[in-house]
PDB file of N, CA and C in Angstrom:
ATOM      1  N   GLN A   1      71.164  28.502 -48.231  1.00  0.00           N
ATOM      2  CA  GLN A   1      72.224  29.458 -48.491  1.00  0.00           C
ATOM      3  C   GLN A   1      72.930  29.101 -49.795  1.00  0.00           C
ATOM      4  N   VAL A   2      73.074  30.086 -50.677  1.00  0.00           N
ATOM      5  CA  VAL A   2      73.726  29.902 -51.967  1.00  0.00           C
ATOM      6  C   VAL A   2      74.780  30.982 -52.142  1.00  0.00           C
ATOM      7  N   GLN A   3      75.954  30.573 -52.601  1.00  0.00           N
ATOM      8  CA  GLN A   3      77.024  31.506 -52.910  1.00  0.00           C
ATOM      9  C   GLN A   3      77.257  31.515 -54.414  1.00  0.00           C
ATOM     10  N   LEU A   4      77.442  32.701 -54.985  1.00  0.00           N
ATOM     11  CA  LEU A   4      77.614  32.860 -56.417  1.00  0.00           C
ATOM     12  C   LEU A   4      78.886  33.646 -56.703  1.00  0.00           C
ATOM     13  N   VAL A   5      79.677  33.174 -57.662  1.00  0.00           N
ATOM     14  CA  VAL A   5      80.909  33.840 -58.050  1.00  0.00           C
ATOM     15  C   VAL A   5      80.956  33.952 -59.561  1.00  0.00           C
ATOM     16  N   GLU A   6      81.025  35.193 -60.075  1.00  0.00           N
ATOM     17  CA  GLU A   6      81.094  35.431 -61.510  1.00  0.00           C
ATOM     18  C   GLU A   6      82.545  35.530 -61.969  1.00  0.00           C
ATOM     19  N   SER A   7      82.768  35.204 -63.238  1.00  0.00           N
ATOM     20  CA  SER A   7      84.078  35.358 -63.849  1.00  0.00           C
ATOM     21  C   SER A   7      83.900  35.492 -65.357  1.00  0.00           C
ATOM     22  N   GLY A   8      84.958  35.896 -66.041  1.00  0.00           N
ATOM     23  CA  GLY A   8      84.939  35.975 -67.491  1.00  0.00           C
ATOM     24  C   GLY A   8      84.816  37.372 -68.065  1.00  0.00           C
ATOM     25  N   GLY A   9      84.641  38.372 -67.224  1.00  0.00           N
ATOM     26  CA  GLY A   9      84.541  39.734 -67.716  1.00  0.00           C
ATOM     27  C   GLY A   9      85.870  40.246 -68.225  1.00  0.00           C
ATOM     28  N   GLY A  10      85.826  41.385 -68.900  1.00  0.00           N
ATOM     29  CA  GLY A  10      87.031  41.980 -69.442  1.00  0.00           C
ATOM     30  C   GLY A  10      86.710  43.091 -70.408  1.00  0.00           C
ATOM     31  N   SER A  11      87.731  43.542 -71.127  1.00  0.00           N
ATOM     32  CA  SER A  11      87.586  44.611 -72.111  1.00  0.00           C
ATOM     33  C   SER A  11      87.742  44.054 -73.515  1.00  0.00           C
ATOM     34  N   VAL A  12      86.783  44.377 -74.380  1.00  0.00           N
ATOM     35  CA  VAL A  12      86.812  43.917 -75.768  1.00  0.00           C
ATOM     36  C   VAL A  12      86.384  45.050 -76.684  1.00  0.00           C
ATOM     37  N   GLN A  13      86.700  44.915 -77.963  1.00  0.00           N
ATOM     38  CA  GLN A  13      86.254  45.878 -78.959  1.00  0.00           C
ATOM     39  C   GLN A  13      84.863  45.511 -79.450  1.00  0.00           C
ATOM     40  N   ALA A  14      84.148  46.498 -79.960  1.00  0.00           N
ATOM     41  CA  ALA A  14      82.813  46.262 -80.503  1.00  0.00           C
ATOM     42  C   ALA A  14      82.855  45.145 -81.538  1.00  0.00           C
ATOM     43  N   GLY A  15      81.863  44.259 -81.467  1.00  0.00           N
ATOM     44  CA  GLY A  15      81.809  43.118 -82.361  1.00  0.00           C
ATOM     45  C   GLY A  15      82.439  41.869 -81.791  1.00  0.00           C
ATOM     46  N   GLY A  16      83.144  41.996 -80.677  1.00  0.00           N
ATOM     47  CA  GLY A  16      83.801  40.866 -80.057  1.00  0.00           C
ATOM     48  C   GLY A  16      82.866  40.040 -79.203  1.00  0.00           C
ATOM     49  N   SER A  17      83.431  39.024 -78.543  1.00  0.00           N
ATOM     50  CA  SER A  17      82.645  38.102 -77.735  1.00  0.00           C
ATOM     51  C   SER A  17      83.281  37.878 -76.371  1.00  0.00           C
ATOM     52  N   LEU A  18      82.447  37.559 -75.398  1.00  0.00           N
ATOM     53  CA  LEU A  18      82.878  37.168 -74.068  1.00  0.00           C
ATOM     54  C   LEU A  18      81.943  36.086 -73.557  1.00  0.00           C
ATOM     55  N   ARG A  19      82.463  35.222 -72.707  1.00  0.00           N
ATOM     56  CA  ARG A  19      81.647  34.197 -72.063  1.00  0.00           C
ATOM     57  C   ARG A  19      81.775  34.349 -70.558  1.00  0.00           C
ATOM     58  N   LEU A  20      80.687  34.722 -69.908  1.00  0.00           N
ATOM     59  CA  LEU A  20      80.661  34.873 -68.471  1.00  0.00           C
ATOM     60  C   LEU A  20      80.246  33.562 -67.814  1.00  0.00           C
ATOM     61  N   SER A  21      80.821  33.284 -66.654  1.00  0.00           N
ATOM     62  CA  SER A  21      80.491  32.094 -65.895  1.00  0.00           C
ATOM     63  C   SER A  21      80.021  32.487 -64.503  1.00  0.00           C
ATOM     64  N   CYS A  22      79.072  31.739 -63.972  1.00  0.00           N
ATOM     65  CA  CYS A  22      78.573  31.931 -62.614  1.00  0.00           C
ATOM     66  C   CYS A  22      78.629  30.585 -61.915  1.00  0.00           C
ATOM     67  N   ALA A  23      79.570  30.441 -60.996  1.00  0.00           N
ATOM     68  CA  ALA A  23      79.727  29.206 -60.243  1.00  0.00           C
ATOM     69  C   ALA A  23      78.927  29.292 -58.951  1.00  0.00           C
ATOM     70  N   ALA A  24      78.037  28.333 -58.733  1.00  0.00           N
ATOM     71  CA  ALA A  24      77.182  28.310 -57.558  1.00  0.00           C
ATOM     72  C   ALA A  24      77.634  27.223 -56.593  1.00  0.00           C
ATOM     73  N   SER A  25      77.532  27.519 -55.312  1.00  0.00           N
ATOM     74  CA  SER A  25      77.857  26.545 -54.277  1.00  0.00           C
ATOM     75  C   SER A  25      76.861  26.684 -53.129  1.00  0.00           C
ATOM     76  N   GLY A  26      76.887  25.733 -52.198  1.00  0.00           N
ATOM     77  CA  GLY A  26      75.941  25.727 -51.099  1.00  0.00           C
ATOM     78  C   GLY A  26      74.711  24.906 -51.457  1.00  0.00           C
ATOM     79  N   ASP A  27      73.541  25.391 -51.063  1.00  0.00           N
ATOM     80  CA  ASP A  27      72.288  24.678 -51.309  1.00  0.00           C
ATOM     81  C   ASP A  27      71.768  24.978 -52.711  1.00  0.00           C
ATOM     82  N   THR A  28      72.526  24.572 -53.706  1.00  0.00           N
ATOM     83  CA  THR A  28      72.189  24.904 -55.087  1.00  0.00           C
ATOM     84  C   THR A  28      70.893  24.253 -55.561  1.00  0.00           C
ATOM     85  N   TYR A  29      70.485  23.166 -54.937  1.00  0.00           N
ATOM     86  CA  TYR A  29      69.274  22.471 -55.340  1.00  0.00           C
ATOM     87  C   TYR A  29      68.024  23.300 -55.071  1.00  0.00           C
ATOM     88  N   THR A  30      68.135  24.334 -54.270  1.00  0.00           N
ATOM     89  CA  THR A  30      66.984  25.180 -53.956  1.00  0.00           C
ATOM     90  C   THR A  30      66.743  26.257 -55.006  1.00  0.00           C
ATOM     91  N   SER A  31      67.699  26.496 -55.897  1.00  0.00           N
ATOM     92  CA  SER A  31      67.564  27.540 -56.899  1.00  0.00           C
ATOM     93  C   SER A  31      66.712  27.051 -58.061  1.00  0.00           C
ATOM     94  N   ARG A  32      65.642  27.760 -58.346  1.00  0.00           N
ATOM     95  CA  ARG A  32      64.740  27.396 -59.434  1.00  0.00           C
ATOM     96  C   ARG A  32      64.931  28.274 -60.656  1.00  0.00           C
ATOM     97  N   CYS A  33      65.489  29.466 -60.462  1.00  0.00           N
ATOM     98  CA  CYS A  33      65.718  30.395 -61.555  1.00  0.00           C
ATOM     99  C   CYS A  33      67.053  31.090 -61.359  1.00  0.00           C
ATOM    100  N   MET A  34      67.858  31.125 -62.411  1.00  0.00           N
ATOM    101  CA  MET A  34      69.135  31.821 -62.391  1.00  0.00           C
ATOM    102  C   MET A  34      69.083  32.951 -63.406  1.00  0.00           C
ATOM    103  N   GLY A  35      69.527  34.127 -62.997  1.00  0.00           N
ATOM    104  CA  GLY A  35      69.453  35.280 -63.871  1.00  0.00           C
ATOM    105  C   GLY A  35      70.770  36.014 -63.996  1.00  0.00           C
ATOM    106  N   TRP A  36      70.935  36.702 -65.128  1.00  0.00           N
ATOM    107  CA  TRP A  36      72.039  37.617 -65.338  1.00  0.00           C
ATOM    108  C   TRP A  36      71.473  39.031 -65.414  1.00  0.00           C
ATOM    109  N   PHE A  37      72.049  39.928 -64.636  1.00  0.00           N
ATOM    110  CA  PHE A  37      71.662  41.326 -64.615  1.00  0.00           C
ATOM    111  C   PHE A  37      72.883  42.175 -64.913  1.00  0.00           C
ATOM    112  N   ARG A  38      72.650  43.420 -65.302  1.00  0.00           N
ATOM    113  CA  ARG A  38      73.759  44.341 -65.518  1.00  0.00           C
ATOM    114  C   ARG A  38      73.377  45.723 -65.024  1.00  0.00           C
ATOM    115  N   GLN A  39      74.393  46.483 -64.654  1.00  0.00           N
ATOM    116  CA  GLN A  39      74.173  47.826 -64.136  1.00  0.00           C
ATOM    117  C   GLN A  39      75.308  48.738 -64.565  1.00  0.00           C
ATOM    118  N   ALA A  40      74.955  49.806 -65.258  1.00  0.00           N
ATOM    119  CA  ALA A  40      75.909  50.833 -65.653  1.00  0.00           C
ATOM    120  C   ALA A  40      75.860  51.968 -64.634  1.00  0.00           C
ATOM    121  N   PRO A  41      76.934  52.757 -64.503  1.00  0.00           N
ATOM    122  CA  PRO A  41      76.947  53.857 -63.537  1.00  0.00           C
ATOM    123  C   PRO A  41      75.770  54.804 -63.729  1.00  0.00           C
ATOM    124  N   GLY A  42      75.074  55.116 -62.637  1.00  0.00           N
ATOM    125  CA  GLY A  42      73.955  56.032 -62.688  1.00  0.00           C
ATOM    126  C   GLY A  42      72.660  55.442 -63.191  1.00  0.00           C
ATOM    127  N   LYS A  43      72.629  54.158 -63.499  1.00  0.00           N
ATOM    128  CA  LYS A  43      71.431  53.507 -64.009  1.00  0.00           C
ATOM    129  C   LYS A  43      71.000  52.377 -63.084  1.00  0.00           C
ATOM    130  N   GLU A  44      69.736  51.986 -63.194  1.00  0.00           N
ATOM    131  CA  GLU A  44      69.212  50.891 -62.395  1.00  0.00           C
ATOM    132  C   GLU A  44      69.689  49.557 -62.941  1.00  0.00           C
ATOM    133  N   ARG A  45      69.719  48.564 -62.054  1.00  0.00           N
ATOM    134  CA  ARG A  45      70.071  47.222 -62.466  1.00  0.00           C
ATOM    135  C   ARG A  45      68.959  46.649 -63.336  1.00  0.00           C
ATOM    136  N   GLU A  46      69.328  46.072 -64.480  1.00  0.00           N
ATOM    137  CA  GLU A  46      68.346  45.549 -65.413  1.00  0.00           C
ATOM    138  C   GLU A  46      68.608  44.087 -65.737  1.00  0.00           C
ATOM    139  N   GLY A  47      67.530  43.348 -65.958  1.00  0.00           N
ATOM    140  CA  GLY A  47      67.644  41.947 -66.306  1.00  0.00           C
ATOM    141  C   GLY A  47      68.118  41.758 -67.730  1.00  0.00           C
ATOM    142  N   VAL A  48      69.050  40.845 -67.930  1.00  0.00           N
ATOM    143  CA  VAL A  48      69.595  40.531 -69.247  1.00  0.00           C
ATOM    144  C   VAL A  48      69.050  39.208 -69.761  1.00  0.00           C
ATOM    145  N   ALA A  49      69.114  38.179 -68.927  1.00  0.00           N
ATOM    146  CA  ALA A  49      68.653  36.848 -69.300  1.00  0.00           C
ATOM    147  C   ALA A  49      68.396  36.031 -68.051  1.00  0.00           C
ATOM    148  N   ALA A  50      67.593  34.981 -68.181  1.00  0.00           N
ATOM    149  CA  ALA A  50      67.312  34.091 -67.065  1.00  0.00           C
ATOM    150  C   ALA A  50      67.030  32.694 -67.593  1.00  0.00           C
ATOM    151  N   ILE A  51      67.191  31.709 -66.716  1.00  0.00           N
ATOM    152  CA  ILE A  51      66.941  30.325 -67.083  1.00  0.00           C
ATOM    153  C   ILE A  51      66.305  29.589 -65.914  1.00  0.00           C
ATOM    154  N   TYR A  52      65.272  28.793 -66.202  1.00  0.00           N
ATOM    155  CA  TYR A  52      64.694  27.904 -65.205  1.00  0.00           C
ATOM    156  C   TYR A  52      65.592  26.672 -65.134  1.00  0.00           C
ATOM    157  N   THR A  53      66.099  26.377 -63.952  1.00  0.00           N
ATOM    158  CA  THR A  53      67.107  25.329 -63.811  1.00  0.00           C
ATOM    159  C   THR A  53      66.586  23.931 -64.087  1.00  0.00           C
ATOM    160  N   SER A  54      65.297  23.692 -63.900  1.00  0.00           N
ATOM    161  CA  SER A  54      64.754  22.346 -64.064  1.00  0.00           C
ATOM    162  C   SER A  54      64.505  21.979 -65.524  1.00  0.00           C
ATOM    163  N   ASP A  55      63.835  22.845 -66.270  1.00  0.00           N
ATOM    164  CA  ASP A  55      63.482  22.496 -67.640  1.00  0.00           C
ATOM    165  C   ASP A  55      64.266  23.268 -68.702  1.00  0.00           C
ATOM    166  N   GLY A  56      65.110  24.204 -68.287  1.00  0.00           N
ATOM    167  CA  GLY A  56      65.949  24.925 -69.230  1.00  0.00           C
ATOM    168  C   GLY A  56      65.273  26.049 -69.987  1.00  0.00           C
ATOM    169  N   SER A  57      64.065  26.427 -69.608  1.00  0.00           N
ATOM    170  CA  SER A  57      63.395  27.549 -70.262  1.00  0.00           C
ATOM    171  C   SER A  57      64.225  28.811 -70.100  1.00  0.00           C
ATOM    172  N   THR A  58      64.344  29.597 -71.163  1.00  0.00           N
ATOM    173  CA  THR A  58      65.173  30.793 -71.144  1.00  0.00           C
ATOM    174  C   THR A  58      64.370  32.039 -71.473  1.00  0.00           C
ATOM    175  N   PHE A  59      64.881  33.176 -70.997  1.00  0.00           N
ATOM    176  CA  PHE A  59      64.234  34.463 -71.200  1.00  0.00           C
ATOM    177  C   PHE A  59      65.315  35.501 -71.463  1.00  0.00           C
ATOM    178  N   TYR A  60      65.022  36.473 -72.341  1.00  0.00           N
ATOM    179  CA  TYR A  60      66.004  37.472 -72.720  1.00  0.00           C
ATOM    180  C   TYR A  60      65.381  38.851 -72.820  1.00  0.00           C
ATOM    181  N   ALA A  61      66.180  39.852 -72.491  1.00  0.00           N
ATOM    182  CA  ALA A  61      65.786  41.219 -72.759  1.00  0.00           C
ATOM    183  C   ALA A  61      65.819  41.450 -74.265  1.00  0.00           C
ATOM    184  N   ASP A  62      64.919  42.297 -74.760  1.00  0.00           N
ATOM    185  CA  ASP A  62      64.858  42.552 -76.193  1.00  0.00           C
ATOM    186  C   ASP A  62      66.189  43.065 -76.749  1.00  0.00           C
ATOM    187  N   SER A  63      66.920  43.809 -75.947  1.00  0.00           N
ATOM    188  CA  SER A  63      68.156  44.420 -76.403  1.00  0.00           C
ATOM    189  C   SER A  63      69.273  43.416 -76.676  1.00  0.00           C
ATOM    190  N   VAL A  64      69.147  42.182 -76.175  1.00  0.00           N
ATOM    191  CA  VAL A  64      70.216  41.197 -76.351  1.00  0.00           C
ATOM    192  C   VAL A  64      69.772  39.959 -77.113  1.00  0.00           C
ATOM    193  N   LYS A  65      68.503  39.868 -77.491  1.00  0.00           N
ATOM    194  CA  LYS A  65      68.020  38.704 -78.226  1.00  0.00           C
ATOM    195  C   LYS A  65      68.788  38.538 -79.530  1.00  0.00           C
ATOM    196  N   GLY A  66      69.204  37.305 -79.796  1.00  0.00           N
ATOM    197  CA  GLY A  66      69.964  37.016 -80.993  1.00  0.00           C
ATOM    198  C   GLY A  66      71.448  37.198 -80.831  1.00  0.00           C
ATOM    199  N   ARG A  67      71.886  37.834 -79.741  1.00  0.00           N
ATOM    200  CA  ARG A  67      73.305  38.068 -79.493  1.00  0.00           C
ATOM    201  C   ARG A  67      73.820  37.321 -78.267  1.00  0.00           C
ATOM    202  N   PHE A  68      72.992  37.227 -77.223  1.00  0.00           N
ATOM    203  CA  PHE A  68      73.384  36.572 -75.973  1.00  0.00           C
ATOM    204  C   PHE A  68      72.664  35.239 -75.830  1.00  0.00           C
ATOM    205  N   THR A  69      73.321  34.278 -75.183  1.00  0.00           N
ATOM    206  CA  THR A  69      72.733  32.979 -74.909  1.00  0.00           C
ATOM    207  C   THR A  69      73.052  32.567 -73.478  1.00  0.00           C
ATOM    208  N   ILE A  70      72.018  32.239 -72.706  1.00  0.00           N
ATOM    209  CA  ILE A  70      72.214  31.739 -71.352  1.00  0.00           C
ATOM    210  C   ILE A  70      72.100  30.221 -71.374  1.00  0.00           C
ATOM    211  N   SER A  71      72.952  29.548 -70.616  1.00  0.00           N
ATOM    212  CA  SER A  71      72.939  28.092 -70.564  1.00  0.00           C
ATOM    213  C   SER A  71      73.408  27.631 -69.197  1.00  0.00           C
ATOM    214  N   GLN A  72      73.274  26.346 -68.929  1.00  0.00           N
ATOM    215  CA  GLN A  72      73.679  25.807 -67.649  1.00  0.00           C
ATOM    216  C   GLN A  72      74.351  24.460 -67.805  1.00  0.00           C
ATOM    217  N   ASP A  73      75.248  24.169 -66.863  1.00  0.00           N
ATOM    218  CA  ASP A  73      75.898  22.870 -66.755  1.00  0.00           C
ATOM    219  C   ASP A  73      75.597  22.391 -65.342  1.00  0.00           C
ATOM    220  N   ASN A  74      74.574  21.560 -65.209  1.00  0.00           N
ATOM    221  CA  ASN A  74      74.135  21.120 -63.889  1.00  0.00           C
ATOM    222  C   ASN A  74      75.215  20.350 -63.132  1.00  0.00           C
ATOM    223  N   ALA A  75      76.018  19.566 -63.843  1.00  0.00           N
ATOM    224  CA  ALA A  75      77.066  18.792 -63.196  1.00  0.00           C
ATOM    225  C   ALA A  75      78.096  19.692 -62.523  1.00  0.00           C
ATOM    226  N   LYS A  76      78.305  20.878 -63.071  1.00  0.00           N
ATOM    227  CA  LYS A  76      79.283  21.818 -62.528  1.00  0.00           C
ATOM    228  C   LYS A  76      78.645  22.923 -61.697  1.00  0.00           C
ATOM    229  N   ASN A  77      77.318  22.894 -61.563  1.00  0.00           N
ATOM    230  CA  ASN A  77      76.595  23.949 -60.854  1.00  0.00           C
ATOM    231  C   ASN A  77      76.995  25.325 -61.370  1.00  0.00           C
ATOM    232  N   THR A  78      77.025  25.452 -62.685  1.00  0.00           N
ATOM    233  CA  THR A  78      77.489  26.672 -63.324  1.00  0.00           C
ATOM    234  C   THR A  78      76.503  27.138 -64.384  1.00  0.00           C
ATOM    235  N   VAL A  79      76.289  28.446 -64.430  1.00  0.00           N
ATOM    236  CA  VAL A  79      75.461  29.084 -65.450  1.00  0.00           C
ATOM    237  C   VAL A  79      76.352  29.990 -66.286  1.00  0.00           C
ATOM    238  N   TYR A  80      76.129  30.005 -67.591  1.00  0.00           N
ATOM    239  CA  TYR A  80      76.950  30.781 -68.508  1.00  0.00           C
ATOM    240  C   TYR A  80      76.128  31.834 -69.233  1.00  0.00           C
ATOM    241  N   LEU A  81      76.810  32.871 -69.666  1.00  0.00           N
ATOM    242  CA  LEU A  81      76.216  33.863 -70.544  1.00  0.00           C
ATOM    243  C   LEU A  81      77.193  34.101 -71.683  1.00  0.00           C
ATOM    244  N   GLN A  82      76.874  33.549 -72.855  1.00  0.00           N
ATOM    245  CA  GLN A  82      77.679  33.764 -74.043  1.00  0.00           C
ATOM    246  C   GLN A  82      77.225  35.054 -74.696  1.00  0.00           C
ATOM    247  N   MET A  83      78.135  36.000 -74.860  1.00  0.00           N
ATOM    248  CA  MET A  83      77.815  37.303 -75.410  1.00  0.00           C
ATOM    249  C   MET A  83      78.574  37.498 -76.711  1.00  0.00           C
ATOM    250  N   ASN A  84      77.842  37.609 -77.810  1.00  0.00           N
ATOM    251  CA  ASN A  84      78.425  37.824 -79.125  1.00  0.00           C
ATOM    252  C   ASN A  84      78.005  39.176 -79.673  1.00  0.00           C
ATOM    253  N   SER A  85      78.718  39.639 -80.685  1.00  0.00           N
ATOM    254  CA  SER A  85      78.410  40.920 -81.331  1.00  0.00           C
ATOM    255  C   SER A  85      78.227  42.030 -80.308  1.00  0.00           C
ATOM    256  N   LEU A  86      79.164  42.134 -79.399  1.00  0.00           N
ATOM    257  CA  LEU A  86      79.059  43.104 -78.315  1.00  0.00           C
ATOM    258  C   LEU A  86      79.081  44.542 -78.831  1.00  0.00           C
ATOM    259  N   LYS A  87      78.310  45.383 -78.154  1.00  0.00           N
ATOM    260  CA  LYS A  87      78.186  46.791 -78.491  1.00  0.00           C
ATOM    261  C   LYS A  87      78.639  47.641 -77.308  1.00  0.00           C
ATOM    262  N   PRO A  88      79.064  48.877 -77.543  1.00  0.00           N
ATOM    263  CA  PRO A  88      79.467  49.752 -76.431  1.00  0.00           C
ATOM    264  C   PRO A  88      78.381  49.888 -75.371  1.00  0.00           C
ATOM    265  N   GLU A  89      77.114  49.873 -75.759  1.00  0.00           N
ATOM    266  CA  GLU A  89      76.032  50.003 -74.800  1.00  0.00           C
ATOM    267  C   GLU A  89      75.865  48.777 -73.904  1.00  0.00           C
ATOM    268  N   ASP A  90      76.597  47.697 -74.193  1.00  0.00           N
ATOM    269  CA  ASP A  90      76.601  46.529 -73.318  1.00  0.00           C
ATOM    270  C   ASP A  90      77.539  46.715 -72.125  1.00  0.00           C
ATOM    271  N   THR A  91      78.318  47.780 -72.125  1.00  0.00           N
ATOM    272  CA  THR A  91      79.256  48.040 -71.041  1.00  0.00           C
ATOM    273  C   THR A  91      78.517  48.202 -69.718  1.00  0.00           C
ATOM    274  N   ALA A  92      78.894  47.401 -68.721  1.00  0.00           N
ATOM    275  CA  ALA A  92      78.236  47.427 -67.419  1.00  0.00           C
ATOM    276  C   ALA A  92      78.909  46.418 -66.501  1.00  0.00           C
ATOM    277  N   MET A  93      78.539  46.477 -65.226  1.00  0.00           N
ATOM    278  CA  MET A  93      78.883  45.420 -64.294  1.00  0.00           C
ATOM    279  C   MET A  93      77.804  44.350 -64.418  1.00  0.00           C
ATOM    280  N   TYR A  94      78.217  43.120 -64.638  1.00  0.00           N
ATOM    281  CA  TYR A  94      77.278  42.019 -64.813  1.00  0.00           C
ATOM    282  C   TYR A  94      77.219  41.172 -63.552  1.00  0.00           C
ATOM    283  N   TYR A  95      75.997  40.884 -63.094  1.00  0.00           N
ATOM    284  CA  TYR A  95      75.767  40.135 -61.870  1.00  0.00           C
ATOM    285  C   TYR A  95      74.974  38.869 -62.140  1.00  0.00           C
ATOM    286  N   CYS A  96      75.324  37.815 -61.437  1.00  0.00           N
ATOM    287  CA  CYS A  96      74.571  36.580 -61.437  1.00  0.00           C
ATOM    288  C   CYS A  96      73.671  36.561 -60.205  1.00  0.00           C
ATOM    289  N   ALA A  97      72.458  36.026 -60.339  1.00  0.00           N
ATOM    290  CA  ALA A  97      71.513  35.987 -59.231  1.00  0.00           C
ATOM    291  C   ALA A  97      70.733  34.677 -59.238  1.00  0.00           C
ATOM    292  N   ALA A  98      70.262  34.277 -58.051  1.00  0.00           N
ATOM    293  CA  ALA A  98      69.503  33.040 -57.895  1.00  0.00           C
ATOM    294  C   ALA A  98      68.195  33.300 -57.167  1.00  0.00           C
ATOM    295  N   ALA A  99      67.111  32.686 -57.656  1.00  0.00           N
ATOM    296  CA  ALA A  99      65.793  32.792 -57.047  1.00  0.00           C
ATOM    297  C   ALA A  99      65.295  31.411 -56.647  1.00  0.00           C
ATOM    298  N   PRO A 100      64.621  31.289 -55.506  1.00  0.00           N
ATOM    299  CA  PRO A 100      64.144  29.986 -55.039  1.00  0.00           C
ATOM    300  C   PRO A 100      62.817  29.574 -55.644  1.00  0.00           C
ATOM    301  N   TRP A 101      62.318  30.308 -56.626  1.00  0.00           N
ATOM    302  CA  TRP A 101      61.042  29.992 -57.233  1.00  0.00           C
ATOM    303  C   TRP A 101      61.086  30.270 -58.733  1.00  0.00           C
ATOM    304  N   TYR A 102      60.126  29.681 -59.447  1.00  0.00           N
ATOM    305  CA  TYR A 102      59.987  29.947 -60.872  1.00  0.00           C
ATOM    306  C   TYR A 102      59.189  31.234 -61.019  1.00  0.00           C
ATOM    307  N   THR A 103      59.911  32.320 -61.064  1.00  0.00           N
ATOM    308  CA  THR A 103      59.282  33.624 -61.086  1.00  0.00           C
ATOM    309  C   THR A 103      58.706  33.953 -62.455  1.00  0.00           C
ATOM    310  N   GLY A 104      57.528  34.581 -62.438  1.00  0.00           N
ATOM    311  CA  GLY A 104      56.932  35.071 -63.669  1.00  0.00           C
ATOM    312  C   GLY A 104      57.414  36.465 -64.001  1.00  0.00           C
ATOM    313  N   SER A 105      58.233  37.042 -63.116  1.00  0.00           N
ATOM    314  CA  SER A 105      58.793  38.373 -63.313  1.00  0.00           C
ATOM    315  C   SER A 105      60.306  38.284 -63.204  1.00  0.00           C
ATOM    316  N   TRP A 106      60.924  37.611 -64.149  1.00  0.00           N
ATOM    317  CA  TRP A 106      62.342  37.310 -64.064  1.00  0.00           C
ATOM    318  C   TRP A 106      63.226  38.546 -64.089  1.00  0.00           C
ATOM    319  N   GLN A 107      62.725  39.670 -64.595  1.00  0.00           N
ATOM    320  CA  GLN A 107      63.507  40.896 -64.671  1.00  0.00           C
ATOM    321  C   GLN A 107      63.459  41.717 -63.384  1.00  0.00           C
ATOM    322  N   ASN A 108      62.667  41.282 -62.417  1.00  0.00           N
ATOM    323  CA  ASN A 108      62.511  41.998 -61.162  1.00  0.00           C
ATOM    324  C   ASN A 108      63.601  41.567 -60.181  1.00  0.00           C
ATOM    325  N   THR A 109      64.462  42.477 -59.790  1.00  0.00           N
ATOM    326  CA  THR A 109      65.563  42.149 -58.888  1.00  0.00           C
ATOM    327  C   THR A 109      65.081  41.627 -57.541  1.00  0.00           C
ATOM    328  N   LEU A 110      63.887  42.035 -57.109  1.00  0.00           N
ATOM    329  CA  LEU A 110      63.357  41.618 -55.820  1.00  0.00           C
ATOM    330  C   LEU A 110      62.994  40.137 -55.778  1.00  0.00           C
ATOM    331  N   GLU A 111      62.929  39.485 -56.916  1.00  0.00           N
ATOM    332  CA  GLU A 111      62.624  38.063 -56.977  1.00  0.00           C
ATOM    333  C   GLU A 111      63.820  37.201 -56.592  1.00  0.00           C
ATOM    334  N   TYR A 112      65.001  37.775 -56.558  1.00  0.00           N
ATOM    335  CA  TYR A 112      66.228  37.013 -56.346  1.00  0.00           C
ATOM    336  C   TYR A 112      66.784  37.207 -54.939  1.00  0.00           C
ATOM    337  N   ASN A 113      67.100  36.095 -54.293  1.00  0.00           N
ATOM    338  CA  ASN A 113      67.589  36.120 -52.918  1.00  0.00           C
ATOM    339  C   ASN A 113      69.106  36.230 -52.810  1.00  0.00           C
ATOM    340  N   TYR A 114      69.821  35.740 -53.820  1.00  0.00           N
ATOM    341  CA  TYR A 114      71.271  35.670 -53.754  1.00  0.00           C
ATOM    342  C   TYR A 114      71.910  36.342 -54.952  1.00  0.00           C
ATOM    343  N   TRP A 115      73.018  37.035 -54.700  1.00  0.00           N
ATOM    344  CA  TRP A 115      73.723  37.787 -55.734  1.00  0.00           C
ATOM    345  C   TRP A 115      75.227  37.584 -55.639  1.00  0.00           C
ATOM    346  N   GLY A 116      75.889  37.540 -56.797  1.00  0.00           N
ATOM    347  CA  GLY A 116      77.332  37.526 -56.827  1.00  0.00           C
ATOM    348  C   GLY A 116      77.880  38.930 -56.705  1.00  0.00           C
ATOM    349  N   GLN A 117      79.210  39.057 -56.698  1.00  0.00           N
ATOM    350  CA  GLN A 117      79.858  40.353 -56.548  1.00  0.00           C
ATOM    351  C   GLN A 117      79.974  41.119 -57.858  1.00  0.00           C
ATOM    352  N   GLY A 118      79.765  40.450 -58.971  1.00  0.00           N
ATOM    353  CA  GLY A 118      79.785  41.109 -60.262  1.00  0.00           C
ATOM    354  C   GLY A 118      81.111  40.973 -60.989  1.00  0.00           C
ATOM    355  N   THR A 119      81.049  41.074 -62.314  1.00  0.00           N
ATOM    356  CA  THR A 119      82.234  41.081 -63.155  1.00  0.00           C
ATOM    357  C   THR A 119      82.060  42.160 -64.214  1.00  0.00           C
ATOM    358  N   GLN A 120      83.090  42.975 -64.417  1.00  0.00           N
ATOM    359  CA  GLN A 120      82.996  44.130 -65.298  1.00  0.00           C
ATOM    360  C   GLN A 120      83.173  43.738 -66.757  1.00  0.00           C
ATOM    361  N   VAL A 121      82.285  44.260 -67.605  1.00  0.00           N
ATOM    362  CA  VAL A 121      82.377  44.099 -69.049  1.00  0.00           C
ATOM    363  C   VAL A 121      82.475  45.481 -69.672  1.00  0.00           C
ATOM    364  N   THR A 122      83.530  45.712 -70.432  1.00  0.00           N
ATOM    365  CA  THR A 122      83.734  46.997 -71.095  1.00  0.00           C
ATOM    366  C   THR A 122      83.919  46.768 -72.587  1.00  0.00           C
ATOM    367  N   VAL A 123      83.092  47.429 -73.392  1.00  0.00           N
ATOM    368  CA  VAL A 123      83.137  47.288 -74.843  1.00  0.00           C
ATOM    369  C   VAL A 123      83.495  48.637 -75.444  1.00  0.00           C
ATOM    370  N   SER A 124      84.605  48.699 -76.157  1.00  0.00           N
ATOM    371  CA  SER A 124      85.064  49.939 -76.760  1.00  0.00           C
ATOM    372  C   SER A 124      84.649  50.006 -78.225  1.00  0.00           C
ATOM    373  N   SER A 125      84.446  51.222 -78.720  1.00  0.00           N
ATOM    374  CA  SER A 125      84.044  51.425 -80.097  1.00  0.00           C
ATOM    375  C   SER A 125      85.246  51.535 -81.013  1.00  0.00           C
TER     376      SER A 125
END
């Protein structure tokens, strides 16, 4: 059992930055992949970034490469998403998720067993 709590969302102007945090508790040692997803109203949930917890391998959606960075602090059981050069199209509810395996399909929501409640990110033009 893993519990996830996101924080750090808010409203910013285009070009600004935000740092999202995902604090994990419970059986955190079972999580092999941590992912960040986002969902805008009327759209499907899409993968933004993911990280393999053991070796630190990272993966990004093409739309955020060069702007977003996923990282982890194992001592704090926390995963971060640093978001720079934010655009209005980044506006969405952002969710943290955990998978018990090293998935080859990190963007597939069905690979993840645990989800946080989400944190809202709004970028104005």
